[in-house]
């Protein structure tokens, strides 16, 4: 019985090769597009990429995620990124006191501004004497991933990371002019415009200015 089994095992590949020609599969094309990195509805964010680097419902991300949406930024009118993070749980902005020169904040008690600052998923390195300063008017939202994130983003603090999402072009024409006055002789003018460039809408633009 063992000898017969061995002979059948050796003959099987030959029989398979002689049974017929290879099957040729048809061409399959997969296309997709999305202009939204941060899917949001008012103050509530629905999807984001910070926890998996792909569009994922926030309720399915296994880590704690907080989002400062564009609606919140428009209503709050923060002057700095620290102000935008002021209502975020586990975040401690203005860690060294109020200062408009740079962004400095802690997440879950750990500093997160040296190696935890990202813009559109790309790291922003802060050095001992050179720190980033983000203008809130030019951003679409802020996402905060709490807890260790080195498996996705490399070296980062144990408290988490902060990702700033730049404003993206819109499919529909959009134009905005904003004038603002405040205390300490503050006067500000802003312009934001977006929409399609060509007829089929395949090329979009976004122009944002602040002074």
N, C-alpha and C. Protein backbone atom coordinates (compact mmCIF):
# COMPACT_ATOMS: atom_id res chain seq x y z
N UNK A 1 0.82 -1.20 0.00
CA UNK A 1 0.00 0.00 0.00
C UNK A 1 0.86 1.25 0.00
N UNK A 2 1.98 1.23 0.70
CA UNK A 2 2.84 2.39 0.75
C UNK A 2 3.46 2.66 -0.61
N UNK A 3 3.85 1.60 -1.32
CA UNK A 3 4.45 1.77 -2.64
C UNK A 3 3.45 2.35 -3.62
N UNK A 4 2.22 1.87 -3.60
CA UNK A 4 1.19 2.38 -4.50
C UNK A 4 0.92 3.85 -4.23
N UNK A 5 0.86 4.23 -2.94
CA UNK A 5 0.61 5.63 -2.58
C UNK A 5 1.71 6.53 -3.09
N UNK A 6 2.96 6.08 -3.00
CA UNK A 6 4.08 6.88 -3.48
C UNK A 6 4.01 7.07 -4.98
N UNK A 7 3.64 6.01 -5.72
CA UNK A 7 3.54 6.11 -7.17
C UNK A 7 2.43 7.08 -7.58
N UNK A 8 1.30 7.02 -6.89
CA UNK A 8 0.21 7.94 -7.20
C UNK A 8 0.60 9.38 -6.90
N UNK A 9 1.34 9.57 -5.80
CA UNK A 9 1.77 10.91 -5.45
C UNK A 9 2.71 11.49 -6.48
N UNK A 10 3.57 10.67 -7.09
CA UNK A 10 4.48 11.15 -8.10
C UNK A 10 3.76 11.41 -9.42
N UNK A 11 2.71 10.68 -9.68
CA UNK A 11 2.02 10.83 -10.96
C UNK A 11 1.05 11.99 -10.97
N UNK A 12 0.64 12.48 -9.82
CA UNK A 12 -0.37 13.53 -9.76
C UNK A 12 0.05 14.83 -10.44
N UNK A 13 1.28 15.37 -10.24
CA UNK A 13 1.65 16.61 -10.93
C UNK A 13 1.62 16.48 -12.44
N UNK A 14 2.05 15.33 -12.98
CA UNK A 14 2.04 15.13 -14.43
C UNK A 14 0.62 15.14 -14.96
N UNK A 15 -0.28 14.49 -14.22
CA UNK A 15 -1.67 14.46 -14.66
C UNK A 15 -2.28 15.85 -14.64
N UNK A 16 -1.88 16.67 -13.64
CA UNK A 16 -2.42 18.02 -13.56
C UNK A 16 -1.95 18.89 -14.71
N UNK A 17 -0.70 18.72 -15.14
CA UNK A 17 -0.18 19.51 -16.23
C UNK A 17 -0.82 19.16 -17.56
N UNK A 18 -1.23 17.90 -17.72
CA UNK A 18 -1.81 17.46 -18.98
C UNK A 18 -3.32 17.67 -19.06
N UNK A 19 -3.93 18.13 -17.95
CA UNK A 19 -5.38 18.22 -17.93
C UNK A 19 -5.93 19.36 -18.77
N UNK A 20 -5.18 20.44 -18.98
CA UNK A 20 -5.69 21.55 -19.79
C UNK A 20 -4.79 22.76 -19.72
N UNK A 21 -5.18 23.83 -20.45
CA UNK A 21 -4.40 25.06 -20.48
C UNK A 21 -4.68 25.92 -19.25
N UNK A 22 -3.79 26.89 -19.01
CA UNK A 22 -3.97 27.80 -17.88
C UNK A 22 -5.14 28.74 -18.13
N UNK A 23 -5.81 29.13 -17.07
CA UNK A 23 -6.95 30.04 -17.17
C UNK A 23 -6.46 31.49 -17.13
N UNK A 24 -6.90 32.28 -18.09
CA UNK A 24 -6.52 33.69 -18.16
C UNK A 24 -7.65 34.53 -17.58
N UNK A 25 -7.35 35.26 -16.53
CA UNK A 25 -8.35 36.10 -15.88
C UNK A 25 -8.50 37.43 -16.60
N UNK A 26 -9.69 37.98 -16.55
CA UNK A 26 -9.93 39.27 -17.17
C UNK A 26 -9.31 40.41 -16.38
N UNK A 27 -9.20 41.56 -17.01
CA UNK A 27 -8.60 42.73 -16.38
C UNK A 27 -9.57 43.33 -15.36
N UNK A 28 -9.04 43.65 -14.20
CA UNK A 28 -9.85 44.23 -13.13
C UNK A 28 -9.27 45.59 -12.78
N UNK A 29 -10.09 46.63 -12.82
CA UNK A 29 -9.67 47.97 -12.48
C UNK A 29 -10.41 48.44 -11.23
N UNK A 30 -9.67 48.99 -10.29
CA UNK A 30 -10.24 49.51 -9.07
C UNK A 30 -9.84 50.97 -8.94
N UNK A 31 -10.80 51.86 -8.87
CA UNK A 31 -10.54 53.28 -8.73
C UNK A 31 -11.32 53.83 -7.55
N UNK A 32 -10.74 54.79 -6.88
CA UNK A 32 -11.40 55.43 -5.75
C UNK A 32 -10.77 56.80 -5.54
N UNK A 33 -11.53 57.70 -4.99
CA UNK A 33 -11.00 59.01 -4.69
C UNK A 33 -11.74 59.60 -3.50
N UNK A 34 -11.04 60.43 -2.78
CA UNK A 34 -11.64 61.10 -1.63
C UNK A 34 -10.87 62.38 -1.36
N UNK A 35 -11.58 63.49 -1.27
CA UNK A 35 -10.95 64.76 -0.95
C UNK A 35 -10.92 65.03 0.54
N UNK A 36 -11.62 64.22 1.31
CA UNK A 36 -11.72 64.44 2.73
C UNK A 36 -10.78 63.52 3.49
N UNK A 37 -9.91 64.11 4.29
CA UNK A 37 -9.07 63.33 5.18
C UNK A 37 -9.77 63.17 6.52
N UNK A 38 -10.47 64.20 6.92
CA UNK A 38 -11.20 64.17 8.19
C UNK A 38 -12.68 64.30 7.89
N UNK A 39 -13.43 63.22 8.06
CA UNK A 39 -14.87 63.22 7.83
C UNK A 39 -15.56 63.65 9.11
N UNK A 40 -16.33 64.74 9.04
CA UNK A 40 -16.90 65.31 10.25
C UNK A 40 -18.32 65.80 10.00
N UNK A 41 -19.05 65.92 11.09
CA UNK A 41 -20.41 66.43 11.06
C UNK A 41 -20.56 67.38 12.24
N UNK A 42 -20.35 68.67 11.97
CA UNK A 42 -20.40 69.64 13.05
C UNK A 42 -19.25 69.45 14.02
N UNK A 43 -19.57 69.30 15.29
CA UNK A 43 -18.55 69.11 16.32
C UNK A 43 -18.12 67.66 16.45
N UNK A 44 -18.79 66.76 15.75
CA UNK A 44 -18.53 65.32 15.89
C UNK A 44 -17.81 64.80 14.66
N UNK A 45 -16.65 64.18 14.86
CA UNK A 45 -15.91 63.56 13.77
C UNK A 45 -16.34 62.12 13.60
N UNK A 46 -16.49 61.68 12.35
CA UNK A 46 -16.95 60.32 12.06
C UNK A 46 -15.79 59.38 11.72
N UNK A 47 -14.90 59.85 10.84
CA UNK A 47 -13.78 59.02 10.39
C UNK A 47 -12.49 59.81 10.47
N UNK A 48 -11.39 59.07 10.55
CA UNK A 48 -10.08 59.70 10.56
C UNK A 48 -9.03 58.66 10.22
N UNK A 49 -7.80 59.13 9.93
CA UNK A 49 -6.72 58.23 9.55
C UNK A 49 -5.63 58.12 10.61
N UNK A 50 -5.73 58.88 11.66
CA UNK A 50 -4.61 58.97 12.60
C UNK A 50 -4.32 57.65 13.30
N UNK A 51 -5.34 56.81 13.53
CA UNK A 51 -5.13 55.58 14.27
C UNK A 51 -4.72 54.39 13.44
N UNK A 52 -4.95 54.45 12.12
CA UNK A 52 -4.64 53.31 11.25
C UNK A 52 -3.96 53.72 9.96
N UNK A 53 -3.89 55.05 9.68
CA UNK A 53 -3.36 55.61 8.44
C UNK A 53 -4.23 55.32 7.23
N UNK A 54 -5.43 54.82 7.43
CA UNK A 54 -6.44 54.66 6.38
C UNK A 54 -7.76 55.15 6.96
N UNK A 55 -8.72 55.48 6.07
CA UNK A 55 -10.01 55.96 6.55
C UNK A 55 -10.68 54.90 7.42
N UNK A 56 -10.90 55.23 8.67
CA UNK A 56 -11.46 54.29 9.63
C UNK A 56 -12.46 55.02 10.52
N UNK A 57 -13.63 54.44 10.75
CA UNK A 57 -14.55 55.04 11.73
C UNK A 57 -13.86 55.15 13.09
N UNK A 58 -14.00 56.29 13.72
CA UNK A 58 -13.31 56.53 14.98
C UNK A 58 -13.72 55.52 16.05
N UNK A 59 -14.96 55.07 16.01
CA UNK A 59 -15.42 54.10 17.02
C UNK A 59 -14.72 52.76 16.88
N UNK A 60 -14.07 52.50 15.73
CA UNK A 60 -13.38 51.23 15.52
C UNK A 60 -11.87 51.34 15.74
N UNK A 61 -11.38 52.52 16.05
CA UNK A 61 -9.96 52.69 16.33
C UNK A 61 -9.69 52.23 17.76
N UNK A 62 -8.75 51.31 17.98
CA UNK A 62 -8.55 50.73 19.31
C UNK A 62 -7.88 51.65 20.32
N UNK A 63 -7.49 52.86 19.93
CA UNK A 63 -6.91 53.82 20.85
C UNK A 63 -7.84 55.02 21.01
N UNK A 64 -7.61 55.78 22.06
CA UNK A 64 -8.42 56.97 22.30
C UNK A 64 -8.05 58.06 21.30
N UNK A 65 -9.05 58.60 20.63
CA UNK A 65 -8.85 59.64 19.62
C UNK A 65 -9.77 60.82 19.93
N UNK A 66 -9.21 62.01 19.94
CA UNK A 66 -10.00 63.24 20.07
C UNK A 66 -9.81 64.07 18.82
N UNK A 67 -10.86 64.78 18.42
CA UNK A 67 -10.81 65.57 17.19
C UNK A 67 -11.36 66.96 17.46
N UNK A 68 -10.60 67.96 17.04
CA UNK A 68 -11.08 69.33 17.00
C UNK A 68 -11.51 69.60 15.57
N UNK A 69 -12.80 69.67 15.32
CA UNK A 69 -13.32 69.77 13.96
C UNK A 69 -13.25 71.21 13.46
N UNK A 70 -13.47 71.36 12.15
CA UNK A 70 -13.45 72.69 11.55
C UNK A 70 -14.58 73.56 12.11
N UNK A 71 -15.73 72.96 12.37
CA UNK A 71 -16.84 73.71 12.95
C UNK A 71 -16.46 74.28 14.31
N UNK A 72 -15.77 73.50 15.12
CA UNK A 72 -15.34 73.98 16.43
C UNK A 72 -14.33 75.10 16.29
N UNK A 73 -13.41 74.97 15.33
CA UNK A 73 -12.41 76.01 15.11
C UNK A 73 -13.07 77.30 14.65
N UNK A 74 -14.06 77.19 13.75
CA UNK A 74 -14.76 78.38 13.26
C UNK A 74 -15.51 79.09 14.37
N UNK A 75 -16.13 78.33 15.27
CA UNK A 75 -16.90 78.92 16.36
C UNK A 75 -16.01 79.45 17.48
N UNK A 76 -14.94 78.73 17.75
CA UNK A 76 -14.06 79.09 18.87
C UNK A 76 -13.12 80.23 18.51
N UNK A 77 -12.72 80.33 17.25
CA UNK A 77 -11.77 81.33 16.77
C UNK A 77 -10.48 81.33 17.61
N UNK A 78 -9.79 80.19 17.68
CA UNK A 78 -8.55 80.15 18.48
C UNK A 78 -7.44 80.97 17.84
N UNK A 79 -6.63 81.59 18.66
CA UNK A 79 -5.50 82.37 18.16
C UNK A 79 -4.27 81.50 17.94
N UNK A 80 -4.19 80.39 18.67
CA UNK A 80 -3.05 79.49 18.56
C UNK A 80 -3.55 78.05 18.58
N UNK A 81 -2.64 77.13 18.25
CA UNK A 81 -2.98 75.71 18.35
C UNK A 81 -3.25 75.32 19.80
N UNK A 82 -2.54 75.95 20.72
CA UNK A 82 -2.80 75.68 22.14
C UNK A 82 -4.24 76.01 22.50
N UNK A 83 -4.76 77.12 21.98
CA UNK A 83 -6.15 77.48 22.25
C UNK A 83 -7.10 76.44 21.66
N UNK A 84 -6.77 75.92 20.47
CA UNK A 84 -7.63 74.93 19.83
C UNK A 84 -7.70 73.64 20.64
N UNK A 85 -6.63 73.33 21.37
CA UNK A 85 -6.59 72.11 22.18
C UNK A 85 -7.14 72.32 23.59
N UNK A 86 -7.63 73.50 23.87
CA UNK A 86 -8.04 73.84 25.23
C UNK A 86 -9.16 73.00 25.78
N UNK A 87 -10.04 72.46 24.92
CA UNK A 87 -11.18 71.67 25.38
C UNK A 87 -10.98 70.17 25.13
N UNK A 88 -9.77 69.76 24.85
CA UNK A 88 -9.47 68.36 24.57
C UNK A 88 -9.10 67.63 25.86
N UNK A 89 -9.77 66.52 26.12
CA UNK A 89 -9.47 65.74 27.31
C UNK A 89 -8.04 65.21 27.26
N UNK A 90 -7.36 65.21 28.39
CA UNK A 90 -5.99 64.70 28.56
C UNK A 90 -4.94 65.63 27.96
N UNK A 91 -5.35 66.76 27.40
CA UNK A 91 -4.38 67.71 26.83
C UNK A 91 -4.18 68.87 27.78
N UNK A 92 -2.93 69.29 27.92
CA UNK A 92 -2.58 70.42 28.77
C UNK A 92 -1.83 71.45 27.92
N UNK A 93 -2.56 72.32 27.24
CA UNK A 93 -1.90 73.34 26.41
C UNK A 93 -1.32 74.46 27.26
N UNK A 94 -0.51 75.31 26.62
CA UNK A 94 0.15 76.41 27.32
C UNK A 94 0.86 75.91 28.58
N UNK A 95 1.63 74.85 28.40
CA UNK A 95 2.26 74.18 29.54
C UNK A 95 3.24 75.08 30.28
N UNK A 96 3.83 76.05 29.57
CA UNK A 96 4.80 76.95 30.19
C UNK A 96 4.24 78.36 30.32
N UNK A 97 2.91 78.47 30.34
CA UNK A 97 2.29 79.77 30.38
C UNK A 97 1.94 80.24 28.98
N UNK A 98 1.13 81.28 28.90
CA UNK A 98 0.69 81.78 27.59
C UNK A 98 1.86 82.38 26.83
N UNK A 99 2.02 81.96 25.59
CA UNK A 99 3.09 82.46 24.73
C UNK A 99 2.66 82.28 23.29
N UNK A 100 2.66 83.36 22.52
CA UNK A 100 2.23 83.29 21.12
C UNK A 100 3.37 82.91 20.18
N UNK A 101 4.57 82.67 20.68
CA UNK A 101 5.72 82.39 19.81
C UNK A 101 5.77 80.95 19.33
N UNK A 102 5.19 80.02 20.08
CA UNK A 102 5.31 78.61 19.72
C UNK A 102 4.16 77.83 20.33
N UNK A 103 4.03 76.58 19.90
CA UNK A 103 3.01 75.66 20.43
C UNK A 103 3.69 74.69 21.39
N UNK A 104 3.22 74.65 22.63
CA UNK A 104 3.79 73.73 23.62
C UNK A 104 2.65 73.14 24.44
N UNK A 105 2.58 71.82 24.46
CA UNK A 105 1.48 71.17 25.17
C UNK A 105 1.91 69.79 25.65
N UNK A 106 1.18 69.28 26.62
CA UNK A 106 1.40 67.95 27.17
C UNK A 106 0.17 67.10 26.89
N UNK A 107 0.38 65.80 26.69
CA UNK A 107 -0.71 64.84 26.54
C UNK A 107 -0.54 63.75 27.60
N UNK A 108 -1.57 63.56 28.39
CA UNK A 108 -1.54 62.57 29.48
C UNK A 108 -0.32 62.75 30.39
N UNK A 109 0.06 63.99 30.58
CA UNK A 109 1.15 64.30 31.49
C UNK A 109 2.54 64.26 30.88
N UNK A 110 2.65 63.90 29.59
CA UNK A 110 3.95 63.82 28.92
C UNK A 110 4.02 64.90 27.84
N UNK A 111 5.20 65.50 27.68
CA UNK A 111 5.35 66.50 26.64
C UNK A 111 5.19 65.86 25.27
N UNK A 112 4.53 66.58 24.37
CA UNK A 112 4.24 66.02 23.05
C UNK A 112 4.59 66.98 21.92
N UNK A 113 5.32 68.04 22.21
CA UNK A 113 5.61 69.02 21.17
C UNK A 113 6.99 68.86 20.56
N UNK A 114 7.88 68.08 21.17
CA UNK A 114 9.19 67.85 20.57
C UNK A 114 9.11 66.83 19.43
N UNK A 115 8.55 65.66 19.71
CA UNK A 115 8.49 64.61 18.69
C UNK A 115 7.08 64.08 18.47
N UNK A 116 6.07 64.85 18.89
CA UNK A 116 4.70 64.40 18.70
C UNK A 116 3.87 65.32 17.83
N UNK A 117 4.52 66.23 17.09
CA UNK A 117 3.80 67.16 16.22
C UNK A 117 3.85 66.66 14.78
N UNK A 118 2.68 66.56 14.16
CA UNK A 118 2.59 66.13 12.76
C UNK A 118 1.67 67.07 12.00
N UNK A 119 1.92 67.18 10.71
CA UNK A 119 1.04 67.94 9.82
C UNK A 119 0.73 67.08 8.61
N UNK A 120 -0.53 66.76 8.44
CA UNK A 120 -0.98 65.87 7.36
C UNK A 120 -0.23 64.54 7.40
N UNK A 121 0.04 64.04 8.59
CA UNK A 121 0.70 62.75 8.76
C UNK A 121 2.20 62.78 8.67
N UNK A 122 2.81 63.95 8.43
CA UNK A 122 4.26 64.07 8.34
C UNK A 122 4.80 64.77 9.58
N UNK A 123 5.88 64.25 10.08
CA UNK A 123 6.43 64.77 11.34
C UNK A 123 6.97 66.18 11.17
N UNK A 124 6.75 67.00 12.20
CA UNK A 124 7.35 68.32 12.29
C UNK A 124 8.33 68.29 13.46
N UNK A 125 9.61 68.37 13.13
CA UNK A 125 10.63 68.27 14.17
C UNK A 125 10.79 69.61 14.89
N UNK A 126 10.74 69.57 16.20
CA UNK A 126 11.03 70.73 17.03
C UNK A 126 12.39 70.54 17.67
N UNK A 127 13.21 71.57 17.60
CA UNK A 127 14.54 71.50 18.18
C UNK A 127 14.62 72.26 19.48
N UNK A 128 15.79 72.26 20.11
CA UNK A 128 15.95 72.95 21.40
C UNK A 128 15.65 74.44 21.32
N UNK A 129 15.91 75.07 20.16
CA UNK A 129 15.71 76.51 20.04
C UNK A 129 14.85 76.89 18.85
N UNK A 130 14.13 75.94 18.27
CA UNK A 130 13.27 76.22 17.11
C UNK A 130 12.03 75.35 17.20
N UNK A 131 10.89 75.97 17.50
CA UNK A 131 9.63 75.25 17.65
C UNK A 131 8.65 75.74 16.60
N UNK A 132 7.75 74.83 16.21
CA UNK A 132 6.75 75.18 15.20
C UNK A 132 5.64 76.03 15.82
N UNK A 133 5.10 76.90 14.99
CA UNK A 133 3.95 77.73 15.36
C UNK A 133 2.90 77.56 14.26
N UNK A 134 1.73 77.02 14.60
CA UNK A 134 0.67 76.73 13.64
C UNK A 134 -0.40 77.81 13.70
N UNK A 135 -0.76 78.34 12.53
CA UNK A 135 -1.85 79.31 12.45
C UNK A 135 -3.17 78.57 12.28
N UNK A 136 -4.10 78.66 13.22
CA UNK A 136 -5.34 77.87 13.15
C UNK A 136 -6.22 78.17 11.95
N UNK A 137 -6.13 79.38 11.38
CA UNK A 137 -7.01 79.70 10.26
C UNK A 137 -6.72 78.83 9.03
N UNK A 138 -5.51 78.34 8.91
CA UNK A 138 -5.14 77.55 7.74
C UNK A 138 -5.35 76.06 7.90
N UNK A 139 -5.99 75.64 8.99
CA UNK A 139 -6.16 74.21 9.21
C UNK A 139 -7.64 73.83 9.18
N UNK A 140 -7.88 72.58 8.81
CA UNK A 140 -9.24 72.04 8.71
C UNK A 140 -9.66 71.31 9.97
N UNK A 141 -8.70 70.91 10.76
CA UNK A 141 -9.00 70.20 11.99
C UNK A 141 -7.73 69.74 12.66
N UNK A 142 -7.87 69.24 13.87
CA UNK A 142 -6.75 68.71 14.64
C UNK A 142 -7.17 67.37 15.22
N UNK A 143 -6.37 66.35 14.99
CA UNK A 143 -6.66 65.02 15.53
C UNK A 143 -5.58 64.65 16.55
N UNK A 144 -6.01 64.07 17.64
CA UNK A 144 -5.11 63.71 18.72
C UNK A 144 -5.22 62.21 18.98
N UNK A 145 -4.12 61.50 18.81
CA UNK A 145 -4.06 60.07 19.12
C UNK A 145 -3.37 59.92 20.47
N UNK A 146 -4.08 59.40 21.45
CA UNK A 146 -3.57 59.33 22.81
C UNK A 146 -2.94 57.98 23.09
N UNK A 147 -1.82 58.02 23.80
CA UNK A 147 -1.11 56.80 24.12
C UNK A 147 0.06 56.57 23.18
N UNK A 148 0.88 55.55 23.42
CA UNK A 148 2.03 55.26 22.56
C UNK A 148 1.61 55.04 21.12
N UNK A 149 2.38 55.62 20.18
CA UNK A 149 2.04 55.52 18.76
C UNK A 149 3.26 55.25 17.91
N UNK A 150 4.35 54.74 18.51
CA UNK A 150 5.59 54.53 17.76
C UNK A 150 5.47 53.44 16.71
N UNK A 151 4.53 52.51 16.87
CA UNK A 151 4.37 51.46 15.86
C UNK A 151 3.91 52.02 14.53
N UNK A 152 3.24 53.17 14.55
CA UNK A 152 2.76 53.80 13.32
C UNK A 152 3.60 55.00 12.92
N UNK A 153 4.12 55.74 13.89
CA UNK A 153 4.74 57.03 13.58
C UNK A 153 6.19 57.14 14.04
N UNK A 154 6.78 56.07 14.50
CA UNK A 154 8.16 56.14 14.93
C UNK A 154 8.29 56.77 16.31
N UNK A 155 9.43 57.39 16.55
CA UNK A 155 9.71 57.95 17.87
C UNK A 155 8.66 59.00 18.24
N UNK A 156 8.04 58.81 19.38
CA UNK A 156 7.04 59.77 19.87
C UNK A 156 6.89 59.56 21.37
N UNK A 157 6.30 60.53 22.02
CA UNK A 157 6.12 60.46 23.46
C UNK A 157 5.05 59.46 23.86
N UNK A 158 5.10 58.96 25.08
CA UNK A 158 4.09 57.99 25.53
C UNK A 158 2.70 58.60 25.70
N UNK A 159 2.62 59.92 25.74
CA UNK A 159 1.31 60.54 25.91
C UNK A 159 0.47 60.58 24.66
N UNK A 160 1.12 60.56 23.48
CA UNK A 160 0.38 60.57 22.23
C UNK A 160 0.96 61.57 21.24
N UNK A 161 0.25 61.77 20.14
CA UNK A 161 0.68 62.69 19.09
C UNK A 161 -0.48 63.59 18.68
N UNK A 162 -0.12 64.70 18.04
CA UNK A 162 -1.11 65.65 17.52
C UNK A 162 -0.87 65.84 16.03
N UNK A 163 -1.91 65.66 15.23
CA UNK A 163 -1.81 65.81 13.78
C UNK A 163 -2.70 66.96 13.33
N UNK A 164 -2.09 67.94 12.68
CA UNK A 164 -2.81 69.09 12.15
C UNK A 164 -3.18 68.81 10.69
N UNK A 165 -4.44 68.99 10.34
CA UNK A 165 -4.93 68.72 8.99
C UNK A 165 -5.08 70.04 8.25
N UNK A 166 -4.32 70.22 7.17
CA UNK A 166 -4.39 71.44 6.37
C UNK A 166 -5.70 71.51 5.59
N UNK A 167 -6.19 72.71 5.37
CA UNK A 167 -7.41 72.89 4.58
C UNK A 167 -7.23 72.31 3.19
N UNK A 168 -8.26 71.61 2.71
CA UNK A 168 -8.23 70.95 1.42
C UNK A 168 -9.16 71.66 0.43
N UNK A 169 -8.88 71.54 -0.88
CA UNK A 169 -9.79 72.13 -1.87
C UNK A 169 -11.18 71.52 -1.80
N UNK A 170 -12.18 72.30 -2.16
CA UNK A 170 -13.57 71.86 -2.13
C UNK A 170 -14.10 71.67 -3.55
N UNK A 171 -15.07 70.76 -3.68
CA UNK A 171 -15.70 70.52 -4.98
C UNK A 171 -16.60 71.68 -5.40
N UNK A 172 -17.24 72.31 -4.43
CA UNK A 172 -18.15 73.41 -4.71
C UNK A 172 -17.43 74.74 -4.49
N UNK A 173 -17.77 75.77 -5.30
CA UNK A 173 -17.15 77.09 -5.11
C UNK A 173 -17.39 77.62 -3.70
N UNK A 174 -16.35 78.16 -3.11
CA UNK A 174 -16.42 78.66 -1.74
C UNK A 174 -15.56 79.91 -1.63
N UNK A 175 -16.12 80.99 -1.06
CA UNK A 175 -15.38 82.24 -0.90
C UNK A 175 -15.73 82.84 0.47
N UNK A 176 -14.71 83.29 1.17
CA UNK A 176 -14.92 83.84 2.51
C UNK A 176 -13.94 84.97 2.78
N UNK A 177 -14.46 86.06 3.32
CA UNK A 177 -13.64 87.17 3.78
C UNK A 177 -14.00 87.42 5.24
N UNK A 178 -12.99 87.52 6.08
CA UNK A 178 -13.22 87.66 7.51
C UNK A 178 -12.40 88.82 8.06
N UNK A 179 -13.05 89.67 8.85
CA UNK A 179 -12.39 90.78 9.53
C UNK A 179 -12.58 90.58 11.03
N UNK A 180 -11.53 90.77 11.79
CA UNK A 180 -11.59 90.51 13.22
C UNK A 180 -10.82 91.59 13.98
N UNK A 181 -11.40 92.04 15.07
CA UNK A 181 -10.74 93.01 15.94
C UNK A 181 -10.86 92.52 17.38
N UNK A 182 -9.82 92.75 18.16
CA UNK A 182 -9.83 92.28 19.54
C UNK A 182 -8.98 93.16 20.43
N UNK A 183 -8.79 92.71 21.65
CA UNK A 183 -8.04 93.48 22.63
C UNK A 183 -6.56 93.51 22.28
N UNK A 184 -5.84 94.40 22.93
CA UNK A 184 -4.40 94.58 22.71
C UNK A 184 -4.11 94.97 21.26
N UNK A 185 -4.98 95.82 20.70
CA UNK A 185 -4.80 96.34 19.34
C UNK A 185 -4.70 95.23 18.29
N UNK A 186 -5.52 94.23 18.45
CA UNK A 186 -5.50 93.13 17.49
C UNK A 186 -6.48 93.41 16.35
N UNK A 187 -5.96 93.40 15.13
CA UNK A 187 -6.77 93.53 13.92
C UNK A 187 -6.31 92.46 12.95
N UNK A 188 -7.27 91.76 12.37
CA UNK A 188 -6.93 90.63 11.50
C UNK A 188 -7.88 90.58 10.32
N UNK A 189 -7.32 90.33 9.14
CA UNK A 189 -8.11 90.13 7.92
C UNK A 189 -7.73 88.79 7.31
N UNK A 190 -8.72 88.04 6.87
CA UNK A 190 -8.47 86.70 6.32
C UNK A 190 -9.28 86.49 5.05
N UNK A 191 -8.72 85.71 4.14
CA UNK A 191 -9.38 85.38 2.88
C UNK A 191 -9.24 83.89 2.63
N UNK A 192 -10.34 83.26 2.26
CA UNK A 192 -10.34 81.82 1.98
C UNK A 192 -11.22 81.57 0.76
N UNK A 193 -10.66 80.95 -0.27
CA UNK A 193 -11.40 80.69 -1.50
C UNK A 193 -11.04 79.31 -2.02
N UNK A 194 -12.03 78.62 -2.59
CA UNK A 194 -11.81 77.27 -3.10
C UNK A 194 -12.85 76.95 -4.16
N UNK A 195 -12.56 75.89 -4.94
CA UNK A 195 -13.50 75.46 -5.97
C UNK A 195 -12.79 74.78 -7.11
N UNK A 196 -13.53 74.36 -8.14
CA UNK A 196 -12.92 73.71 -9.31
C UNK A 196 -12.29 74.72 -10.25
N UNK A 197 -11.22 74.30 -10.92
CA UNK A 197 -10.55 75.14 -11.91
C UNK A 197 -11.08 74.86 -13.32
N UNK A 198 -11.26 73.58 -13.66
CA UNK A 198 -11.74 73.21 -14.99
C UNK A 198 -13.21 72.81 -14.92
N UNK A 199 -13.79 72.55 -16.10
CA UNK A 199 -15.23 72.28 -16.19
C UNK A 199 -15.63 70.95 -15.55
N UNK A 200 -14.80 69.92 -15.70
CA UNK A 200 -15.19 68.61 -15.17
C UNK A 200 -14.86 68.44 -13.68
N UNK A 201 -14.24 69.45 -13.08
CA UNK A 201 -13.97 69.40 -11.65
C UNK A 201 -12.86 68.47 -11.24
N UNK A 202 -12.01 68.08 -12.17
CA UNK A 202 -10.91 67.17 -11.84
C UNK A 202 -9.72 67.90 -11.21
N UNK A 203 -9.68 69.23 -11.36
CA UNK A 203 -8.62 70.04 -10.77
C UNK A 203 -9.26 71.07 -9.85
N UNK A 204 -8.85 71.05 -8.59
CA UNK A 204 -9.41 71.95 -7.59
C UNK A 204 -8.31 72.85 -7.03
N UNK A 205 -8.73 73.95 -6.42
CA UNK A 205 -7.76 74.85 -5.81
C UNK A 205 -8.26 75.28 -4.43
N UNK A 206 -7.33 75.75 -3.61
CA UNK A 206 -7.67 76.33 -2.31
C UNK A 206 -6.65 77.43 -2.02
N UNK A 207 -7.12 78.64 -1.80
CA UNK A 207 -6.25 79.78 -1.51
C UNK A 207 -6.65 80.35 -0.16
N UNK A 208 -5.70 80.40 0.75
CA UNK A 208 -5.95 80.92 2.09
C UNK A 208 -4.90 81.97 2.42
N UNK A 209 -5.37 83.12 2.90
CA UNK A 209 -4.46 84.21 3.23
C UNK A 209 -4.89 84.84 4.55
N UNK A 210 -3.90 85.29 5.30
CA UNK A 210 -4.16 85.89 6.61
C UNK A 210 -3.18 87.02 6.86
N UNK A 211 -3.67 88.13 7.38
CA UNK A 211 -2.78 89.24 7.65
C UNK A 211 -3.29 90.13 8.76
